[in-house]
Amino acid sequence: MADRREIEGEIIMGWADRKRPSLDVRKDAQGRVVRVATSVGDLQGLITPTDLRYVVVQLDAPDPVHPDDWSLSIGGEVERPIELSLEELQRFPGATVRCVHECSGSEADFFDYLKSGGETYGCNRCEHVEGKPNRLDPEAQHQGIMSAGEWTGVPLATVLEKAGIKPGAVSVLAQGFDRGLPAEWAMHGALAIPDEEISYEKSLPLKKALDRDTMLAWALNGEYIRHIHGGPVRLVTPGWSGNWSVKWLQKLEVLDHLPKLYYQNQYFYLGQTPDDPDKKMITAMGVKTFITEPRDDDPPLPRGAHVIRGLAWSGAGRITRVEVSVDGGETWQDAHRELPHERWLWQRWSHLWHAESPGKYSIMARATDEAGRVQPQIGWNVLRKNFDGIVPVDVEIE
């Protein structure tokens, strides 16, 4: 543990500067950032600093739009089609919500790792490698793509009420101003790729669109949203996987049906095969927790008291219970859930472990949410999306 807690650098504001979390940044051929990931286990508190927030760009990264030139059109099955500037959008009564965003492909390698009995991992179209994925290494292909943030904006329902939803409405299509073909790295393991350029768009079922916490956001962590995070305005859909929170928003269209879209039906779905007749559109995340301390790569620990820590969150609301096992799942004890207990934000939890006997231990954690769901909820699927399985941490006591 000493290496990741070392103090480095100068004195900042009267305090010695801690070693900073590692950050993995990837760029496209034009030098534009298309992916950012960081080690969640190195963060303290509940809100991910904006500079460390994960980024995934599915299509070509668009050029920035000046806030004064931005507008949002709202049309379709509405009584009063409208177009709003940022200033006009900010005239509505505002709101703030704190939530976890997680890329649907985050931790995908663990699906195959658990399926193999803890022997190998790798995508369904590439060579598998022996061993265990490093959950807290942001340079790994599928790690570190989750963040928590505080969003400020206006509830989507408030804007739709102004436009007047017609009877028979089923969904709300949200379209960003990014266009192109899916990035090659983002399509790692994809089963279908469009033949021509597309816009990034999702059609949100009406019930989720009208949820009190679904938001048109213009601020993140107390500042206006940066371009790379979807500014000037983006959609925020707490609890649902990150691909629903459409960045660079330019259009909302209320529809009397749920359309078939590339990023809704051909790429983001749960199924055993591409032709699975029972495949389902990906929506809410599962219920999830993972251990941040101790870690698999820690040196042997001395006998005595050790704190097991972690984070827990759910796509269905608040976490109501976290349990810890130090014997590979044979017995479980309740962990302490630290305040606050919010609807969409992850909870920190801790458990004081008195390790009196030397040997090797398999530490596990599982969470329960307010809907009564117990981790895990989502099984292996061909695209390896929305992993919420239980991954043990292996430690040794001297």
Protein backbone atom coordinates (compact mmCIF):
# COMPACT_ATOMS: atom_id res chain seq x y z
CA MET A 1 0.00 0.00 0.00
CA ALA A 2 2.90 2.37 0.63
CA ASP A 3 3.61 3.06 -3.05
CA ARG A 4 0.15 4.36 -3.84
CA ARG A 5 -0.01 6.56 -0.75
CA GLU A 6 3.38 8.19 -1.01
CA ILE A 7 3.65 11.97 -0.74
CA GLU A 8 5.24 13.73 -3.67
CA GLY A 9 5.63 17.21 -5.06
CA GLU A 10 5.50 20.53 -3.27
CA ILE A 11 3.47 21.90 -0.39
CA ILE A 12 0.06 22.97 -1.75
CA MET A 13 -2.16 25.26 0.31
CA GLY A 14 -0.26 24.26 3.45
CA TRP A 15 -0.46 20.51 2.85
CA ALA A 16 1.93 17.99 1.38
CA ASP A 17 0.72 16.92 -2.04
CA ARG A 18 -0.41 13.30 -2.33
CA LYS A 19 0.53 11.13 -5.25
CA ARG A 20 -2.13 11.75 -7.94
CA PRO A 21 -4.35 9.02 -9.41
CA SER A 22 -3.10 7.65 -12.70
CA LEU A 23 -4.91 8.83 -15.84
CA ASP A 24 -5.05 7.07 -19.21
CA VAL A 25 -5.82 9.33 -22.20
CA ARG A 26 -6.29 8.13 -25.79
CA LYS A 27 -6.63 10.34 -28.88
CA ASP A 28 -7.82 9.92 -32.45
CA ALA A 29 -5.74 10.54 -35.60
CA GLN A 30 -6.53 14.26 -35.39
CA GLY A 31 -5.25 14.47 -31.82
CA ARG A 32 -8.71 14.79 -30.27
CA VAL A 33 -9.35 13.01 -26.98
CA VAL A 34 -11.68 10.03 -27.45
CA ARG A 35 -11.15 8.09 -24.21
CA VAL A 36 -10.13 8.94 -20.67
CA ALA A 37 -10.03 6.54 -17.72
CA THR A 38 -8.71 6.73 -14.19
CA SER A 39 -8.32 4.40 -11.22
CA VAL A 40 -11.50 4.77 -9.19
CA GLY A 41 -9.82 3.03 -6.28
CA ASP A 42 -7.35 5.91 -5.89
CA LEU A 43 -10.09 8.50 -5.40
CA GLN A 44 -11.34 9.72 -2.04
CA GLY A 45 -14.90 10.83 -1.40
CA LEU A 46 -17.85 10.45 -3.74
CA ILE A 47 -17.44 12.95 -6.60
CA THR A 48 -14.90 12.30 -9.35
CA PRO A 49 -12.83 15.44 -10.06
CA THR A 50 -13.71 16.79 -13.50
CA ASP A 51 -10.13 16.38 -14.75
CA LEU A 52 -10.29 12.68 -13.86
CA ARG A 53 -13.75 11.97 -15.24
CA TYR A 54 -14.01 9.15 -17.77
CA VAL A 55 -14.62 9.96 -21.43
CA VAL A 56 -15.85 7.73 -24.26
CA VAL A 57 -16.45 9.17 -27.75
CA GLN A 58 -18.40 6.71 -29.90
CA LEU A 59 -18.33 8.67 -33.19
CA ASP A 60 -16.00 11.37 -34.52
CA ALA A 61 -15.33 13.93 -31.79
CA PRO A 62 -17.20 17.06 -32.98
CA ASP A 63 -15.86 20.59 -33.08
CA PRO A 64 -17.00 22.73 -30.15
CA VAL A 65 -20.11 24.87 -30.47
CA HIS A 66 -20.00 28.27 -28.78
CA PRO A 67 -22.72 28.50 -26.09
CA ASP A 68 -24.12 31.62 -27.77
CA ASP A 69 -24.57 29.66 -31.01
CA TRP A 70 -26.14 26.58 -29.43
CA SER A 71 -29.83 25.79 -29.61
CA LEU A 72 -32.09 22.85 -28.88
CA SER A 73 -35.15 21.99 -30.96
CA ILE A 74 -38.09 20.13 -29.39
CA GLY A 75 -40.63 18.72 -31.82
CA GLY A 76 -42.54 15.63 -32.90
CA GLU A 77 -45.62 14.60 -30.95
CA VAL A 78 -45.93 17.87 -29.04
CA GLU A 79 -48.55 20.62 -29.01
CA ARG A 80 -46.04 23.46 -29.24
CA PRO A 81 -42.73 22.77 -31.06
CA ILE A 82 -40.07 25.07 -29.62
CA GLU A 83 -36.42 25.97 -30.04
CA LEU A 84 -34.42 27.06 -27.03
CA SER A 85 -31.13 28.89 -26.66
CA LEU A 86 -28.98 28.18 -23.62
CA GLU A 87 -30.17 31.41 -22.02
CA GLU A 88 -33.80 30.41 -22.58
CA LEU A 89 -33.19 26.93 -21.21
CA GLN A 90 -31.71 28.43 -18.05
CA ARG A 91 -34.92 30.38 -17.42
CA PHE A 92 -36.68 27.19 -16.40
CA PRO A 93 -36.62 26.20 -12.71
CA GLY A 94 -33.34 24.39 -12.27
CA ALA A 95 -32.30 21.24 -10.42
CA THR A 96 -29.20 19.35 -9.38
CA VAL A 97 -28.65 15.60 -9.25
CA ARG A 98 -25.61 13.55 -8.20
CA CYS A 99 -25.12 10.21 -9.90
CA VAL A 100 -22.72 7.55 -11.12
CA HIS A 101 -22.09 7.21 -14.84
CA GLU A 102 -20.64 3.91 -15.98
CA CYS A 103 -19.76 2.88 -19.51
CA SER A 104 -21.77 -0.19 -20.48
CA GLY A 105 -18.52 -1.93 -21.45
CA SER A 106 -16.76 -1.19 -18.18
CA GLU A 107 -15.18 -4.30 -16.62
CA ALA A 108 -16.27 -6.43 -19.59
CA ASP A 109 -13.25 -8.74 -19.20
CA PHE A 110 -14.62 -10.02 -15.90
CA PHE A 111 -17.52 -11.73 -17.67
CA ASP A 112 -15.11 -14.15 -19.32
CA TYR A 113 -12.83 -14.29 -16.29
CA LEU A 114 -15.65 -15.58 -14.08
CA LYS A 115 -16.99 -17.80 -16.87
CA SER A 116 -13.57 -19.46 -17.20
CA GLY A 117 -13.46 -20.20 -13.49
CA GLY A 118 -10.90 -17.49 -12.82
CA GLU A 119 -8.32 -18.68 -15.32
CA THR A 120 -8.39 -16.40 -18.40
CA TYR A 121 -9.96 -13.22 -19.76
CA GLY A 122 -10.33 -11.44 -23.08
CA CYS A 123 -13.01 -10.37 -25.53
CA ASN A 124 -15.19 -12.80 -27.45
CA ARG A 125 -13.28 -12.03 -30.66
CA CYS A 126 -9.69 -11.92 -29.42
CA GLU A 127 -7.14 -14.22 -27.86
CA HIS A 128 -7.67 -14.84 -24.18
CA VAL A 129 -4.85 -14.28 -21.71
CA GLU A 130 -4.14 -16.09 -18.48
CA GLY A 131 -4.67 -14.45 -15.13
CA LYS A 132 -6.99 -11.87 -13.66
CA PRO A 133 -7.85 -8.41 -15.04
CA ASN A 134 -6.52 -5.54 -12.94
CA ARG A 135 -9.70 -3.80 -11.84
CA LEU A 136 -7.94 -0.61 -10.79
CA ASP A 137 -5.62 -0.17 -13.80
CA PRO A 138 -7.02 2.58 -16.09
CA GLU A 139 -4.70 1.56 -18.93
CA ALA A 140 -6.48 -1.77 -19.22
CA GLN A 141 -8.96 -1.87 -22.10
CA HIS A 142 -12.13 -2.03 -20.02
CA GLN A 143 -11.17 -0.59 -16.65
CA GLY A 144 -11.69 2.81 -15.04
CA ILE A 145 -14.63 3.87 -17.23
CA MET A 146 -16.92 4.99 -14.42
CA SER A 147 -17.29 8.30 -12.63
CA ALA A 148 -19.60 10.16 -10.26
CA GLY A 149 -20.60 13.78 -10.73
CA GLU A 150 -22.93 16.56 -9.68
CA TRP A 151 -25.05 17.79 -12.59
CA THR A 152 -27.01 21.04 -12.74
CA GLY A 153 -29.64 21.85 -15.32
CA VAL A 154 -33.38 21.51 -15.82
CA PRO A 155 -35.50 18.34 -15.56
CA LEU A 156 -36.36 17.03 -19.03
CA ALA A 157 -39.96 16.66 -17.88
CA THR A 158 -40.19 20.42 -17.26
CA VAL A 159 -39.17 21.23 -20.83
CA LEU A 160 -41.48 18.58 -22.29
CA GLU A 161 -44.37 19.96 -20.25
CA LYS A 162 -43.73 23.38 -21.82
CA ALA A 163 -43.91 21.81 -25.28
CA GLY A 164 -47.00 19.76 -24.37
CA ILE A 165 -46.77 16.01 -24.95
CA LYS A 166 -49.56 14.65 -27.14
CA PRO A 167 -51.51 11.53 -26.12
CA GLY A 168 -49.97 8.36 -27.48
CA ALA A 169 -46.36 9.47 -27.04
CA VAL A 170 -44.02 6.55 -26.36
CA SER A 171 -40.44 7.83 -26.44
CA VAL A 172 -38.21 10.90 -26.70
CA LEU A 173 -35.42 10.76 -29.28
CA ALA A 174 -32.30 12.67 -28.21
CA GLN A 175 -29.72 13.47 -30.89
CA GLY A 176 -26.23 14.85 -30.48
CA PHE A 177 -24.35 16.93 -33.05
CA ASP A 178 -21.56 14.35 -33.29
CA ARG A 179 -21.58 12.34 -36.52
CA GLY A 180 -19.41 9.72 -38.19
CA LEU A 181 -18.63 6.05 -38.17
CA PRO A 182 -18.04 4.31 -34.85
CA ALA A 183 -14.45 4.63 -33.66
CA GLU A 184 -12.51 1.42 -34.29
CA TRP A 185 -11.35 1.13 -30.69
CA ALA A 186 -14.86 1.79 -29.38
CA MET A 187 -16.23 -1.01 -31.54
CA HIS A 188 -13.83 -3.58 -30.06
CA GLY A 189 -15.80 -6.82 -30.32
CA ALA A 190 -18.75 -5.22 -32.12
CA LEU A 191 -21.04 -7.47 -34.08
CA ALA A 192 -22.36 -4.86 -36.52
CA ILE A 193 -20.95 -1.63 -37.95
CA PRO A 194 -23.03 0.85 -40.00
CA ASP A 195 -22.18 1.35 -43.67
CA GLU A 196 -22.49 5.15 -43.61
CA GLU A 197 -22.10 8.03 -41.19
CA ILE A 198 -24.70 8.30 -38.46
CA SER A 199 -25.58 10.73 -35.69
CA TYR A 200 -25.36 9.60 -32.10
CA GLU A 201 -28.93 9.28 -30.91
CA LYS A 202 -31.01 7.37 -28.40
CA SER A 203 -34.78 7.17 -27.95
CA LEU A 204 -35.62 7.29 -24.27
CA PRO A 205 -38.80 5.48 -23.19
CA LEU A 206 -41.30 8.07 -21.95
CA LYS A 207 -41.35 6.82 -18.35
CA LYS A 208 -37.60 7.40 -17.99
CA ALA A 209 -37.81 10.71 -19.87
CA LEU A 210 -40.33 11.95 -17.29
CA ASP A 211 -38.40 10.70 -14.25
CA ARG A 212 -37.78 13.61 -11.89
CA ASP A 213 -34.00 13.13 -12.10
CA THR A 214 -33.62 12.84 -15.90
CA MET A 215 -32.04 16.14 -16.85
CA LEU A 216 -30.85 18.52 -19.54
CA ALA A 217 -27.60 19.56 -17.89
CA TRP A 218 -25.34 22.53 -18.58
CA ALA A 219 -23.07 22.26 -15.53
CA LEU A 220 -20.89 19.53 -14.01
CA ASN A 221 -19.27 19.73 -10.56
CA GLY A 222 -20.06 23.43 -10.22
CA GLU A 223 -18.74 24.53 -13.63
CA TYR A 224 -20.21 24.77 -17.11
CA ILE A 225 -19.83 21.44 -18.88
CA ARG A 226 -16.62 21.18 -20.86
CA HIS A 227 -16.82 20.30 -24.51
CA ILE A 228 -15.24 16.87 -24.03
CA HIS A 229 -17.97 16.01 -21.53
CA GLY A 230 -20.80 16.96 -23.89
CA GLY A 231 -21.26 20.72 -23.54
CA PRO A 232 -22.89 23.10 -23.96
CA VAL A 233 -25.82 20.83 -22.93
CA ARG A 234 -26.15 17.08 -22.55
CA LEU A 235 -28.78 14.60 -21.47
CA VAL A 236 -28.27 12.94 -18.07
CA THR A 237 -30.12 9.70 -17.31
CA PRO A 238 -29.21 8.60 -13.76
CA GLY A 239 -29.16 4.85 -13.18
CA TRP A 240 -28.98 3.92 -16.85
CA SER A 241 -25.72 2.97 -18.53
CA GLY A 242 -23.62 5.87 -19.76
CA ASN A 243 -24.54 5.51 -23.44
CA TRP A 244 -28.02 6.91 -22.70
CA SER A 245 -26.70 10.28 -21.50
CA VAL A 246 -26.39 11.79 -24.98
CA LYS A 247 -23.63 14.39 -25.26
CA TRP A 248 -23.62 17.52 -27.44
CA LEU A 249 -27.40 17.61 -27.48
CA GLN A 250 -29.08 19.40 -30.40
CA LYS A 251 -32.53 17.86 -30.87
CA LEU A 252 -35.37 16.25 -28.93
CA GLU A 253 -38.22 14.61 -30.80
CA VAL A 254 -41.24 13.08 -29.07
CA LEU A 255 -42.31 9.91 -30.90
CA ASP A 256 -45.38 7.64 -30.89
CA HIS A 257 -43.14 4.57 -31.12
CA LEU A 258 -39.75 3.28 -30.01
CA PRO A 259 -37.55 3.41 -33.15
CA LYS A 260 -34.78 0.98 -33.99
CA LEU A 261 -31.46 2.79 -33.73
CA TYR A 262 -27.88 1.59 -34.16
CA TYR A 263 -26.81 2.45 -30.61
CA GLN A 264 -30.03 1.05 -29.20
CA ASN A 265 -30.71 -2.18 -31.05
CA GLN A 266 -27.59 -3.27 -32.95
CA TYR A 267 -24.84 -2.47 -30.45
CA PHE A 268 -26.17 -1.87 -26.94
CA TYR A 269 -28.25 -4.95 -26.15
CA LEU A 270 -28.19 -7.97 -23.88
CA GLY A 271 -28.34 -11.36 -25.58
CA GLN A 272 -26.57 -14.68 -25.81
CA THR A 273 -26.01 -14.33 -29.58
CA PRO A 274 -26.63 -11.60 -32.20
CA ASP A 275 -29.71 -13.54 -33.30
CA ASP A 276 -31.01 -14.22 -29.79
CA PRO A 277 -34.82 -13.88 -30.05
CA ASP A 278 -34.94 -12.81 -26.40
CA LYS A 279 -32.27 -10.10 -26.57
CA LYS A 280 -33.14 -6.95 -24.67
CA MET A 281 -32.29 -3.28 -25.06
CA ILE A 282 -29.77 -2.19 -22.41
CA THR A 283 -31.28 0.27 -19.96
CA ALA A 284 -30.58 0.37 -16.21
CA MET A 285 -27.33 -0.79 -14.70
CA GLY A 286 -27.34 -3.74 -12.32
CA VAL A 287 -26.57 -3.57 -8.61
CA LYS A 288 -22.86 -3.43 -7.96
CA THR A 289 -20.08 -3.11 -5.45
CA PHE A 290 -16.36 -3.60 -5.60
CA ILE A 291 -13.48 -3.55 -3.16
CA THR A 292 -10.96 -0.70 -3.32
CA GLU A 293 -8.85 -1.81 -0.32
CA PRO A 294 -7.05 -4.13 0.02
CA ARG A 295 -5.99 -5.05 -3.52
CA ASP A 296 -4.80 -8.11 -5.38
CA ASP A 297 -1.36 -6.58 -5.92
CA ASP A 298 -0.78 -5.65 -2.28
CA PRO A 299 2.23 -7.28 -0.58
CA PRO A 300 1.48 -9.73 2.26
CA LEU A 301 -0.28 -7.95 5.14
CA PRO A 302 0.62 -8.33 8.81
CA ARG A 303 -1.75 -10.02 11.21
CA GLY A 304 -4.11 -7.66 12.95
CA ALA A 305 -6.85 -5.18 12.08
CA HIS A 306 -7.36 -4.13 8.45
CA VAL A 307 -10.12 -2.02 6.93
CA ILE A 308 -11.86 -3.44 3.86
CA ARG A 309 -13.33 -0.58 1.83
CA GLY A 310 -15.32 -0.21 -1.34
CA LEU A 311 -18.03 1.51 -3.35
CA ALA A 312 -21.58 0.35 -4.09
CA TRP A 313 -24.25 1.67 -6.45
CA SER A 314 -27.27 0.56 -8.47
CA GLY A 315 -29.28 1.43 -11.55
CA ALA A 316 -32.51 0.98 -9.58
CA GLY A 317 -31.93 3.42 -6.72
CA ARG A 318 -30.34 3.48 -3.28
CA ILE A 319 -28.12 0.77 -1.87
CA THR A 320 -29.71 -0.70 1.27
CA ARG A 321 -27.13 -3.31 2.26
CA VAL A 322 -23.51 -4.30 1.64
CA GLU A 323 -22.10 -7.62 2.85
CA VAL A 324 -18.49 -8.76 3.08
CA SER A 325 -17.00 -12.26 3.11
CA VAL A 326 -13.38 -13.08 3.92
CA ASP A 327 -13.72 -16.82 3.29
CA GLY A 328 -14.63 -16.92 -0.39
CA GLY A 329 -18.38 -16.53 0.12
CA GLU A 330 -18.98 -19.21 2.75
CA THR A 331 -20.06 -16.66 5.38
CA TRP A 332 -21.10 -12.99 5.11
CA GLN A 333 -21.14 -10.01 7.48
CA ASP A 334 -22.81 -6.63 7.06
CA ALA A 335 -20.49 -3.75 6.23
CA HIS A 336 -20.93 -0.21 7.51
CA ARG A 337 -22.54 1.99 4.83
CA GLU A 338 -21.15 5.49 5.09
CA LEU A 339 -23.38 8.54 4.65
CA PRO A 340 -24.87 9.96 2.48
CA HIS A 341 -27.28 7.38 1.07
CA GLU A 342 -28.42 8.99 -2.18
CA ARG A 343 -30.65 7.63 -4.93
CA TRP A 344 -28.09 7.50 -7.77
CA LEU A 345 -24.71 8.22 -6.16
CA TRP A 346 -22.46 5.41 -5.04
CA GLN A 347 -21.98 4.74 -1.33
CA ARG A 348 -18.69 4.25 0.39
CA TRP A 349 -18.68 1.30 2.75
CA SER A 350 -16.18 -0.21 5.17
CA HIS A 351 -15.66 -3.30 7.30
CA LEU A 352 -13.07 -3.79 10.04
CA TRP A 353 -11.43 -7.17 9.55
CA HIS A 354 -9.45 -8.77 12.36
CA ALA A 355 -7.08 -11.10 10.55
CA GLU A 356 -5.56 -13.23 13.30
CA SER A 357 -4.35 -16.25 11.33
CA PRO A 358 -1.74 -16.30 8.56
CA GLY A 359 -2.73 -17.65 5.17
CA LYS A 360 -4.41 -16.75 1.91
CA TYR A 361 -7.86 -15.15 1.91
CA SER A 362 -10.46 -14.51 -0.77
CA ILE A 363 -12.37 -11.32 0.10
CA MET A 364 -15.75 -10.71 -1.53
CA ALA A 365 -18.51 -8.09 -1.33
CA ARG A 366 -22.09 -7.96 -2.55
CA ALA A 367 -24.75 -5.26 -2.51
CA THR A 368 -28.55 -5.06 -2.28
CA ASP A 369 -30.59 -2.12 -3.60
CA GLU A 370 -33.93 -0.60 -2.63
CA ALA A 371 -35.68 -2.63 -5.35
CA GLY A 372 -34.60 -5.79 -3.50
CA ARG A 373 -32.08 -6.80 -6.16
CA VAL A 374 -29.03 -8.66 -4.85
CA GLN A 375 -25.76 -8.59 -6.77
CA PRO A 376 -25.25 -9.96 -9.36
CA GLN A 377 -28.20 -9.34 -11.68
CA ILE A 378 -26.73 -9.41 -15.21
CA GLY A 379 -25.29 -12.59 -16.66
CA TRP A 380 -22.78 -13.16 -19.45
CA ASN A 381 -23.89 -11.69 -22.78
CA VAL A 382 -22.30 -11.70 -26.22
CA LEU A 383 -21.40 -7.99 -26.11
CA ARG A 384 -20.25 -8.30 -22.47
CA LYS A 385 -22.21 -5.27 -21.30
CA ASN A 386 -23.24 -4.01 -17.85
CA PHE A 387 -21.04 -6.29 -15.73
CA ASP A 388 -22.13 -6.43 -12.08
CA GLY A 389 -20.62 -9.73 -10.95
CA ILE A 390 -18.80 -10.50 -7.71
CA VAL A 391 -15.03 -10.49 -8.16
CA PRO A 392 -12.92 -11.67 -5.18
CA VAL A 393 -9.79 -9.91 -4.01
CA ASP A 394 -7.00 -12.31 -3.08
CA VAL A 395 -4.75 -11.31 -0.20
CA GLU A 396 -2.21 -12.98 2.04
CA ILE A 397 -1.74 -12.51 5.79
CA GLU A 398 1.77 -13.17 7.12
